[in-house]
C-alpha atoms as a PDB file:
ATOM      1  CA  UNK A   1       0.000   0.000   0.000  1.00  0.00           C
ATOM      2  CA  UNK A   2       2.939   2.370   0.568  1.00  0.00           C
ATOM      3  CA  UNK A   3       4.486   1.931  -2.896  1.00  0.00           C
ATOM      4  CA  UNK A   4       1.904   3.936  -4.864  1.00  0.00           C
ATOM      5  CA  UNK A   5       2.170   6.727  -2.313  1.00  0.00           C
ATOM      6  CA  UNK A   6       5.966   6.771  -2.655  1.00  0.00           C
ATOM      7  CA  UNK A   7       5.769   6.988  -6.435  1.00  0.00           C
ATOM      8  CA  UNK A   8       3.167   9.723  -6.324  1.00  0.00           C
ATOM      9  CA  UNK A   9       5.285  11.786  -3.957  1.00  0.00           C
ATOM     10  CA  UNK A  10       8.310  11.334  -6.205  1.00  0.00           C
ATOM     11  CA  UNK A  11       6.275  12.426  -9.223  1.00  0.00           C
ATOM     12  CA  UNK A  12       5.019  15.443  -7.261  1.00  0.00           C
ATOM     13  CA  UNK A  13       8.604  16.401  -6.428  1.00  0.00           C
ATOM     14  CA  UNK A  14       9.588  16.283 -10.090  1.00  0.00           C
ATOM     15  CA  UNK A  15       6.621  18.444 -11.088  1.00  0.00           C
ATOM     16  CA  UNK A  16       7.432  20.966  -8.365  1.00  0.00           C
ATOM     17  CA  UNK A  17      11.076  21.097  -9.471  1.00  0.00           C
ATOM     18  CA  UNK A  18      10.151  21.782 -13.077  1.00  0.00           C
ATOM     19  CA  UNK A  19       7.563  24.360 -11.990  1.00  0.00           C
ATOM     20  CA  UNK A  20      10.197  26.149  -9.956  1.00  0.00           C
ATOM     21  CA  UNK A  21      12.542  26.287 -12.928  1.00  0.00           C
ATOM     22  CA  UNK A  22       9.781  27.712 -15.109  1.00  0.00           C
ATOM     23  CA  UNK A  23       8.992  30.306 -12.440  1.00  0.00           C
ATOM     24  CA  UNK A  24      12.582  31.449 -12.016  1.00  0.00           C
ATOM     25  CA  UNK A  25      13.194  31.533 -15.771  1.00  0.00           C
ATOM     26  CA  UNK A  26      10.514  34.186 -16.110  1.00  0.00           C
ATOM     27  CA  UNK A  27       7.860  31.922 -17.702  1.00  0.00           C
ATOM     28  CA  UNK A  28       9.798  31.699 -20.938  1.00  0.00           C
ATOM     29  CA  UNK A  29       7.961  30.977 -24.167  1.00  0.00           C
ATOM     30  CA  UNK A  30       8.922  28.153 -26.480  1.00  0.00           C
ATOM     31  CA  UNK A  31      10.614  29.303 -29.667  1.00  0.00           C
ATOM     32  CA  UNK A  32      11.729  25.910 -30.977  1.00  0.00           C
ATOM     33  CA  UNK A  33      15.074  27.307 -32.100  1.00  0.00           C
ATOM     34  CA  UNK A  34      17.176  25.533 -29.481  1.00  0.00           C
ATOM     35  CA  UNK A  35      15.145  22.491 -28.466  1.00  0.00           C
ATOM     36  CA  UNK A  36      15.730  20.820 -31.835  1.00  0.00           C
ATOM     37  CA  UNK A  37      19.028  20.547 -33.695  1.00  0.00           C
ATOM     38  CA  UNK A  38      20.266  19.159 -37.017  1.00  0.00           C
ATOM     39  CA  UNK A  39      21.521  15.588 -36.886  1.00  0.00           C
ATOM     40  CA  UNK A  40      23.775  15.041 -39.954  1.00  0.00           C
ATOM     41  CA  UNK A  41      24.019  11.277 -39.432  1.00  0.00           C
ATOM     42  CA  UNK A  42      20.234  10.947 -39.646  1.00  0.00           C
ATOM     43  CA  UNK A  43      19.601  12.902 -42.851  1.00  0.00           C
ATOM     44  CA  UNK A  44      17.612  10.944 -45.420  1.00  0.00           C
ATOM     45  CA  UNK A  45      18.053   9.984 -49.069  1.00  0.00           C
ATOM     46  CA  UNK A  46      14.436   9.342 -49.984  1.00  0.00           C
ATOM     47  CA  UNK A  47      14.697   9.882 -53.742  1.00  0.00           C
ATOM     48  CA  UNK A  48      12.637  13.085 -53.598  1.00  0.00           C
ATOM     49  CA  UNK A  49      15.549  15.280 -54.677  1.00  0.00           C
ATOM     50  CA  UNK A  50      17.508  15.101 -57.929  1.00  0.00           C
ATOM     51  CA  UNK A  51      21.133  14.974 -56.708  1.00  0.00           C
ATOM     52  CA  UNK A  52      22.098  14.413 -53.081  1.00  0.00           C
ATOM     53  CA  UNK A  53      25.827  14.518 -53.800  1.00  0.00           C
ATOM     54  CA  UNK A  54      25.775  18.249 -54.477  1.00  0.00           C
ATOM     55  CA  UNK A  55      24.099  19.167 -51.176  1.00  0.00           C
ATOM     56  CA  UNK A  56      26.372  21.060 -48.784  1.00  0.00           C
ATOM     57  CA  UNK A  57      25.840  22.339 -45.255  1.00  0.00           C
ATOM     58  CA  UNK A  58      24.840  25.994 -45.357  1.00  0.00           C
ATOM     59  CA  UNK A  59      25.842  27.946 -42.201  1.00  0.00           C
ATOM     60  CA  UNK A  60      23.192  30.567 -43.042  1.00  0.00           C
ATOM     61  CA  UNK A  61      20.457  27.961 -42.552  1.00  0.00           C
ATOM     62  CA  UNK A  62      21.691  26.167 -39.455  1.00  0.00           C
ATOM     63  CA  UNK A  63      22.784  22.625 -40.233  1.00  0.00           C
ATOM     64  CA  UNK A  64      20.554  22.230 -43.296  1.00  0.00           C
ATOM     65  CA  UNK A  65      22.216  20.840 -46.412  1.00  0.00           C
ATOM     66  CA  UNK A  66      21.375  22.738 -49.617  1.00  0.00           C
ATOM     67  CA  UNK A  67      22.234  23.312 -53.259  1.00  0.00           C
ATOM     68  CA  UNK A  68      21.257  26.365 -55.336  1.00  0.00           C
ATOM     69  CA  UNK A  69      21.535  26.841 -59.090  1.00  0.00           C
ATOM     70  CA  UNK A  70      24.242  29.365 -60.031  1.00  0.00           C
ATOM     71  CA  UNK A  71      23.208  32.852 -61.150  1.00  0.00           C
ATOM     72  CA  UNK A  72      19.642  32.417 -59.916  1.00  0.00           C
ATOM     73  CA  UNK A  73      17.766  35.742 -59.605  1.00  0.00           C
ATOM     74  CA  UNK A  74      15.556  35.306 -56.546  1.00  0.00           C
ATOM     75  CA  UNK A  75      14.271  38.880 -56.764  1.00  0.00           C
ATOM     76  CA  UNK A  76      12.004  38.012 -59.699  1.00  0.00           C
ATOM     77  CA  UNK A  77       9.881  35.766 -57.492  1.00  0.00           C
ATOM     78  CA  UNK A  78       7.277  37.737 -55.574  1.00  0.00           C
ATOM     79  CA  UNK A  79       4.751  34.904 -55.241  1.00  0.00           C
ATOM     80  CA  UNK A  80       5.061  31.463 -53.698  1.00  0.00           C
ATOM     81  CA  UNK A  81       3.148  28.228 -54.087  1.00  0.00           C
ATOM     82  CA  UNK A  82       3.454  25.686 -51.271  1.00  0.00           C
ATOM     83  CA  UNK A  83       2.640  22.331 -52.834  1.00  0.00           C
ATOM     84  CA  UNK A  84       0.821  19.649 -50.913  1.00  0.00           C
ATOM     85  CA  UNK A  85       3.266  18.213 -48.405  1.00  0.00           C
ATOM     86  CA  UNK A  86       4.115  14.558 -49.027  1.00  0.00           C
ATOM     87  CA  UNK A  87       5.134  11.912 -46.508  1.00  0.00           C
ATOM     88  CA  UNK A  88       7.693   9.193 -47.243  1.00  0.00           C
ATOM     89  CA  UNK A  89       8.367   7.218 -44.090  1.00  0.00           C
ATOM     90  CA  UNK A  90      11.395   4.972 -43.809  1.00  0.00           C
ATOM     91  CA  UNK A  91      11.160   1.562 -42.079  1.00  0.00           C
ATOM     92  CA  UNK A  92      11.673   1.542 -38.322  1.00  0.00           C
ATOM     93  CA  UNK A  93      15.403   1.849 -37.515  1.00  0.00           C
ATOM     94  CA  UNK A  94      15.291   0.164 -34.139  1.00  0.00           C
ATOM     95  CA  UNK A  95      13.365  -2.763 -32.704  1.00  0.00           C
ATOM     96  CA  UNK A  96      11.571  -0.538 -30.193  1.00  0.00           C
ATOM     97  CA  UNK A  97      10.716   2.190 -32.724  1.00  0.00           C
ATOM     98  CA  UNK A  98       7.014   2.741 -33.524  1.00  0.00           C
ATOM     99  CA  UNK A  99       5.953   0.327 -36.267  1.00  0.00           C
ATOM    100  CA  UNK A 100       3.123   2.556 -37.510  1.00  0.00           C
ATOM    101  CA  UNK A 101       1.817   6.099 -37.209  1.00  0.00           C
ATOM    102  CA  UNK A 102      -1.823   7.067 -36.893  1.00  0.00           C
ATOM    103  CA  UNK A 103      -2.946   8.626 -40.234  1.00  0.00           C
ATOM    104  CA  UNK A 104      -4.669  11.410 -38.305  1.00  0.00           C
ATOM    105  CA  UNK A 105      -1.282  12.335 -36.815  1.00  0.00           C
ATOM    106  CA  UNK A 106       0.200  12.610 -40.308  1.00  0.00           C
ATOM    107  CA  UNK A 107      -2.639  14.901 -41.393  1.00  0.00           C
ATOM    108  CA  UNK A 108      -2.188  17.008 -38.275  1.00  0.00           C
ATOM    109  CA  UNK A 109       1.552  17.393 -38.881  1.00  0.00           C
ATOM    110  CA  UNK A 110       1.376  18.170 -42.606  1.00  0.00           C
ATOM    111  CA  UNK A 111      -1.379  20.718 -41.979  1.00  0.00           C
ATOM    112  CA  UNK A 112       0.663  22.254 -39.173  1.00  0.00           C
ATOM    113  CA  UNK A 113       3.762  22.552 -41.370  1.00  0.00           C
ATOM    114  CA  UNK A 114       1.777  24.077 -44.253  1.00  0.00           C
ATOM    115  CA  UNK A 115       0.221  26.668 -41.947  1.00  0.00           C
ATOM    116  CA  UNK A 116       3.607  27.514 -40.391  1.00  0.00           C
ATOM    117  CA  UNK A 117       5.150  28.034 -43.830  1.00  0.00           C
ATOM    118  CA  UNK A 118       2.208  30.165 -44.983  1.00  0.00           C
ATOM    119  CA  UNK A 119       2.313  32.279 -41.837  1.00  0.00           C
ATOM    120  CA  UNK A 120       5.995  33.125 -42.288  1.00  0.00           C
ATOM    121  CA  UNK A 121       6.122  33.467 -46.080  1.00  0.00           C
ATOM    122  CA  UNK A 122       2.994  35.580 -46.535  1.00  0.00           C
ATOM    123  CA  UNK A 123       4.663  38.411 -44.635  1.00  0.00           C
ATOM    124  CA  UNK A 124       6.903  39.076 -47.646  1.00  0.00           C
ATOM    125  CA  UNK A 125       5.408  37.195 -50.622  1.00  0.00           C
ATOM    126  CA  UNK A 126       1.930  36.513 -51.993  1.00  0.00           C
ATOM    127  CA  UNK A 127       0.948  32.907 -51.316  1.00  0.00           C
ATOM    128  CA  UNK A 128      -0.872  31.524 -54.362  1.00  0.00           C
ATOM    129  CA  UNK A 129      -2.458  28.205 -55.355  1.00  0.00           C
ATOM    130  CA  UNK A 130      -1.411  28.113 -59.022  1.00  0.00           C
ATOM    131  CA  UNK A 131       1.997  28.066 -60.684  1.00  0.00           C
ATOM    132  CA  UNK A 132       3.020  30.682 -63.241  1.00  0.00           C
ATOM    133  CA  UNK A 133       5.547  33.454 -64.003  1.00  0.00           C
ATOM    134  CA  UNK A 134       7.077  34.991 -60.876  1.00  0.00           C
ATOM    135  CA  UNK A 135       5.907  32.070 -58.756  1.00  0.00           C
ATOM    136  CA  UNK A 136       8.372  30.075 -56.645  1.00  0.00           C
ATOM    137  CA  UNK A 137       7.039  26.550 -56.204  1.00  0.00           C
ATOM    138  CA  UNK A 138       8.071  24.782 -53.002  1.00  0.00           C
ATOM    139  CA  UNK A 139       7.790  20.993 -52.910  1.00  0.00           C
ATOM    140  CA  UNK A 140       8.253  19.235 -49.577  1.00  0.00           C
ATOM    141  CA  UNK A 141       8.433  15.651 -48.386  1.00  0.00           C
ATOM    142  CA  UNK A 142       8.546  14.635 -44.744  1.00  0.00           C
ATOM    143  CA  UNK A 143      10.975  11.736 -44.921  1.00  0.00           C
ATOM    144  CA  UNK A 144      11.401  10.700 -41.307  1.00  0.00           C
ATOM    145  CA  UNK A 145       8.797  11.032 -38.573  1.00  0.00           C
ATOM    146  CA  UNK A 146       9.548   9.317 -35.291  1.00  0.00           C
ATOM    147  CA  UNK A 147       7.503  10.434 -32.271  1.00  0.00           C
ATOM    148  CA  UNK A 148       8.961  10.874 -28.813  1.00  0.00           C
ATOM    149  CA  UNK A 149       8.627   7.675 -26.805  1.00  0.00           C
ATOM    150  CA  UNK A 150       6.942   9.343 -23.866  1.00  0.00           C
ATOM    151  CA  UNK A 151       6.960   6.277 -21.607  1.00  0.00           C
ATOM    152  CA  UNK A 152      10.762   6.031 -21.826  1.00  0.00           C
ATOM    153  CA  UNK A 153      11.147   9.762 -21.208  1.00  0.00           C
ATOM    154  CA  UNK A 154       9.067   9.517 -18.041  1.00  0.00           C
ATOM    155  CA  UNK A 155      10.981   6.420 -16.886  1.00  0.00           C
ATOM    156  CA  UNK A 156      14.331   8.133 -17.405  1.00  0.00           C
ATOM    157  CA  UNK A 157      13.208  10.939 -15.133  1.00  0.00           C
ATOM    158  CA  UNK A 158      11.776   8.746 -12.385  1.00  0.00           C
ATOM    159  CA  UNK A 159      14.720   6.354 -12.115  1.00  0.00           C
ATOM    160  CA  UNK A 160      17.357   7.569  -9.628  1.00  0.00           C
ATOM    161  CA  UNK A 161      20.302   9.198 -11.443  1.00  0.00           C
ATOM    162  CA  UNK A 162      18.434   8.750 -14.740  1.00  0.00           C
ATOM    163  CA  UNK A 163      18.749  12.470 -15.423  1.00  0.00           C
ATOM    164  CA  UNK A 164      22.563  12.328 -15.337  1.00  0.00           C
ATOM    165  CA  UNK A 165      22.731   9.206 -17.508  1.00  0.00           C
ATOM    166  CA  UNK A 166      20.347  10.647 -20.118  1.00  0.00           C
ATOM    167  CA  UNK A 167      22.120  13.982 -20.377  1.00  0.00           C
ATOM    168  CA  UNK A 168      25.160  12.460 -22.083  1.00  0.00           C
ATOM    169  CA  UNK A 169      23.458   9.671 -23.996  1.00  0.00           C
ATOM    170  CA  UNK A 170      23.104  11.661 -27.229  1.00  0.00           C
ATOM    171  CA  UNK A 171      26.829  12.169 -27.702  1.00  0.00           C
ATOM    172  CA  UNK A 172      27.520   8.560 -26.750  1.00  0.00           C
ATOM    173  CA  UNK A 173      25.176   7.436 -29.544  1.00  0.00           C
ATOM    174  CA  UNK A 174      26.713   9.789 -32.117  1.00  0.00           C
ATOM    175  CA  UNK A 175      23.864  12.291 -31.845  1.00  0.00           C
ATOM    176  CA  UNK A 176      23.891  15.997 -30.917  1.00  0.00           C
ATOM    177  CA  UNK A 177      24.551  16.959 -27.301  1.00  0.00           C
ATOM    178  CA  UNK A 178      21.439  17.045 -25.146  1.00  0.00           C
ATOM    179  CA  UNK A 179      19.455  14.541 -27.208  1.00  0.00           C
ATOM    180  CA  UNK A 180      18.496  11.037 -26.138  1.00  0.00           C
ATOM    181  CA  UNK A 181      17.840   7.981 -28.342  1.00  0.00           C
ATOM    182  CA  UNK A 182      14.044   8.049 -27.832  1.00  0.00           C
ATOM    183  CA  UNK A 183      13.220  11.733 -28.428  1.00  0.00           C
ATOM    184  CA  UNK A 184      12.095  11.204 -31.999  1.00  0.00           C
ATOM    185  CA  UNK A 185      13.228  12.593 -35.344  1.00  0.00           C
ATOM    186  CA  UNK A 186      11.761  14.857 -38.005  1.00  0.00           C
ATOM    187  CA  UNK A 187      13.293  14.713 -41.481  1.00  0.00           C
ATOM    188  CA  UNK A 188      12.373  16.698 -44.565  1.00  0.00           C
ATOM    189  CA  UNK A 189      13.538  17.151 -48.140  1.00  0.00           C
ATOM    190  CA  UNK A 190      12.605  20.384 -49.936  1.00  0.00           C
ATOM    191  CA  UNK A 191      12.759  21.384 -53.580  1.00  0.00           C
ATOM    192  CA  UNK A 192      12.277  24.799 -55.225  1.00  0.00           C
ATOM    193  CA  UNK A 193      11.082  25.123 -58.839  1.00  0.00           C
ATOM    194  CA  UNK A 194      10.326  27.938 -61.257  1.00  0.00           C
ATOM    195  CA  UNK A 195       6.550  28.259 -61.542  1.00  0.00           C
ATOM    196  CA  UNK A 196       6.661  28.885 -65.302  1.00  0.00           C
ATOM    197  CA  UNK A 197       9.403  26.561 -66.606  1.00  0.00           C
ATOM    198  CA  UNK A 198       9.343  23.949 -63.810  1.00  0.00           C
ATOM    199  CA  UNK A 199      13.146  24.203 -63.651  1.00  0.00           C
ATOM    200  CA  UNK A 200      14.730  23.015 -60.401  1.00  0.00           C
ATOM    201  CA  UNK A 201      16.249  26.072 -58.697  1.00  0.00           C
ATOM    202  CA  UNK A 202      17.394  24.683 -55.350  1.00  0.00           C
ATOM    203  CA  UNK A 203      17.160  21.663 -53.067  1.00  0.00           C
ATOM    204  CA  UNK A 204      17.620  21.128 -49.338  1.00  0.00           C
ATOM    205  CA  UNK A 205      17.360  18.433 -46.716  1.00  0.00           C
ATOM    206  CA  UNK A 206      17.546  18.276 -42.941  1.00  0.00           C
ATOM    207  CA  UNK A 207      16.716  16.022 -40.024  1.00  0.00           C
ATOM    208  CA  UNK A 208      16.059  17.574 -36.647  1.00  0.00           C
ATOM    209  CA  UNK A 209      16.176  15.719 -33.348  1.00  0.00           C
ATOM    210  CA  UNK A 210      14.856  16.975 -30.030  1.00  0.00           C
ATOM    211  CA  UNK A 211      17.076  17.948 -27.132  1.00  0.00           C
ATOM    212  CA  UNK A 212      15.646  17.239 -23.706  1.00  0.00           C
ATOM    213  CA  UNK A 213      18.720  18.655 -21.982  1.00  0.00           C
ATOM    214  CA  UNK A 214      19.685  21.422 -24.357  1.00  0.00           C
ATOM    215  CA  UNK A 215      21.738  24.259 -22.920  1.00  0.00           C
ATOM    216  CA  UNK A 216      22.694  27.343 -24.902  1.00  0.00           C
ATOM    217  CA  UNK A 217      25.752  28.446 -22.954  1.00  0.00           C
ATOM    218  CA  UNK A 218      26.314  31.459 -25.209  1.00  0.00           C
ATOM    219  CA  UNK A 219      22.941  32.878 -24.186  1.00  0.00           C
ATOM    220  CA  UNK A 220      23.937  33.031 -20.526  1.00  0.00           C
ATOM    221  CA  UNK A 221      22.188  31.492 -17.537  1.00  0.00           C
ATOM    222  CA  UNK A 222      18.681  32.719 -18.362  1.00  0.00           C
ATOM    223  CA  UNK A 223      18.898  31.532 -21.968  1.00  0.00           C
ATOM    224  CA  UNK A 224      20.228  28.138 -20.926  1.00  0.00           C
ATOM    225  CA  UNK A 225      17.402  27.751 -18.402  1.00  0.00           C
ATOM    226  CA  UNK A 226      14.765  28.674 -20.984  1.00  0.00           C
ATOM    227  CA  UNK A 227      16.122  26.137 -23.462  1.00  0.00           C
ATOM    228  CA  UNK A 228      16.308  23.436 -20.794  1.00  0.00           C
ATOM    229  CA  UNK A 229      12.714  24.010 -19.668  1.00  0.00           C
ATOM    230  CA  UNK A 230      11.357  24.000 -23.233  1.00  0.00           C
ATOM    231  CA  UNK A 231      13.222  20.809 -24.115  1.00  0.00           C
ATOM    232  CA  UNK A 232      12.298  19.074 -20.866  1.00  0.00           C
ATOM    233  CA  UNK A 233       8.586  19.820 -21.186  1.00  0.00           C
ATOM    234  CA  UNK A 234       8.488  18.800 -24.854  1.00  0.00           C
ATOM    235  CA  UNK A 235       9.945  15.396 -23.995  1.00  0.00           C
ATOM    236  CA  UNK A 236       6.580  14.367 -22.533  1.00  0.00           C
ATOM    237  CA  UNK A 237       4.551  15.016 -25.696  1.00  0.00           C
ATOM    238  CA  UNK A 238       4.760  12.746 -28.752  1.00  0.00           C
ATOM    239  CA  UNK A 239       4.948  15.352 -31.543  1.00  0.00           C
ATOM    240  CA  UNK A 240       6.109  18.561 -29.846  1.00  0.00           C
ATOM    241  CA  UNK A 241       9.642  18.276 -31.231  1.00  0.00           C
ATOM    242  CA  UNK A 242       8.300  17.706 -34.755  1.00  0.00           C
ATOM    243  CA  UNK A 243       6.259  20.913 -34.504  1.00  0.00           C
ATOM    244  CA  UNK A 244       9.284  22.789 -33.159  1.00  0.00           C
ATOM    245  CA  UNK A 245      11.325  21.585 -36.145  1.00  0.00           C
ATOM    246  CA  UNK A 246       8.628  22.759 -38.553  1.00  0.00           C
ATOM    247  CA  UNK A 247       8.433  26.172 -36.894  1.00  0.00           C
ATOM    248  CA  UNK A 248      12.208  26.429 -37.126  1.00  0.00           C
ATOM    249  CA  UNK A 249      12.344  25.456 -40.816  1.00  0.00           C
ATOM    250  CA  UNK A 250       9.508  27.844 -41.700  1.00  0.00           C
ATOM    251  CA  UNK A 251      11.220  30.811 -40.083  1.00  0.00           C
ATOM    252  CA  UNK A 252      14.640  29.942 -41.543  1.00  0.00           C
ATOM    253  CA  UNK A 253      13.156  29.581 -45.030  1.00  0.00           C
ATOM    254  CA  UNK A 254      11.282  32.883 -44.902  1.00  0.00           C
ATOM    255  CA  UNK A 255      14.347  34.717 -43.585  1.00  0.00           C
ATOM    256  CA  UNK A 256      16.673  33.165 -46.172  1.00  0.00           C
ATOM    257  CA  UNK A 257      14.315  33.928 -49.069  1.00  0.00           C
ATOM    258  CA  UNK A 258      14.032  37.545 -47.920  1.00  0.00           C
ATOM    259  CA  UNK A 259      17.822  37.922 -47.956  1.00  0.00           C
ATOM    260  CA  UNK A 260      18.123  36.318 -51.397  1.00  0.00           C
ATOM    261  CA  UNK A 261      15.376  38.574 -52.749  1.00  0.00           C
ATOM    262  CA  UNK A 262      17.058  41.661 -51.286  1.00  0.00           C
ATOM    263  CA  UNK A 263      14.240  42.567 -48.902  1.00  0.00           C
ATOM    264  CA  UNK A 264      14.175  43.002 -45.140  1.00  0.00           C
ATOM    265  CA  UNK A 265      12.736  39.964 -43.333  1.00  0.00           C
ATOM    266  CA  UNK A 266       9.439  40.778 -41.608  1.00  0.00           C
ATOM    267  CA  UNK A 267       8.902  39.323 -38.168  1.00  0.00           C
END
């Protein structure tokens, strides 16, 4: 009879600890910029793009790998068409990985990504539904969707010293610092075409993984605390990291396109 009480008290202590961190961090809002990070070893080759060998990491877009046609004049594109987002899921990589994903989850995620892209791009370009002159067509495939294994995240927190063991598990597994093997992955491949000629103008790919114990040391103590809280709280929701990755990609894309078109990015 005492065991359930002991576990409930332990769970209460964890909740109080997290609440205290949130309180002292000034009730920070989640931006998604630090709680997910590019994982080069997990990037996909799904066959959606034309030539993966020419993709190179672009420091202006985080860890995303991209290629752009030489002498492209981005300023002539003042309209954008976001094609229907496709999903190409790879087989499970590990024995304990989810074997299937609820179709309603896929619809939720593709709709979320489309809305995030529209929200960011429409601040500087007209979002249209038909291709034509002056239209930049964006084609996207989600190539890797692995949800957070919430049960393992909870267990890692409840087990004594689990926090310390988890914090370094990402690096030990060849993944970015702060990640753990069960936090899920979100991969995408993106292609840009001319709306009139259908010529391929650019291609990119990226795979983001969540960081439960992310710490941005360059941002100082308050920034590190905010990142830690956001990552910690997201680790208890199946698709939070995927949404963070989509928010991050949408903002990066809109900002990069603004720079290429010679206009000031609008926040």
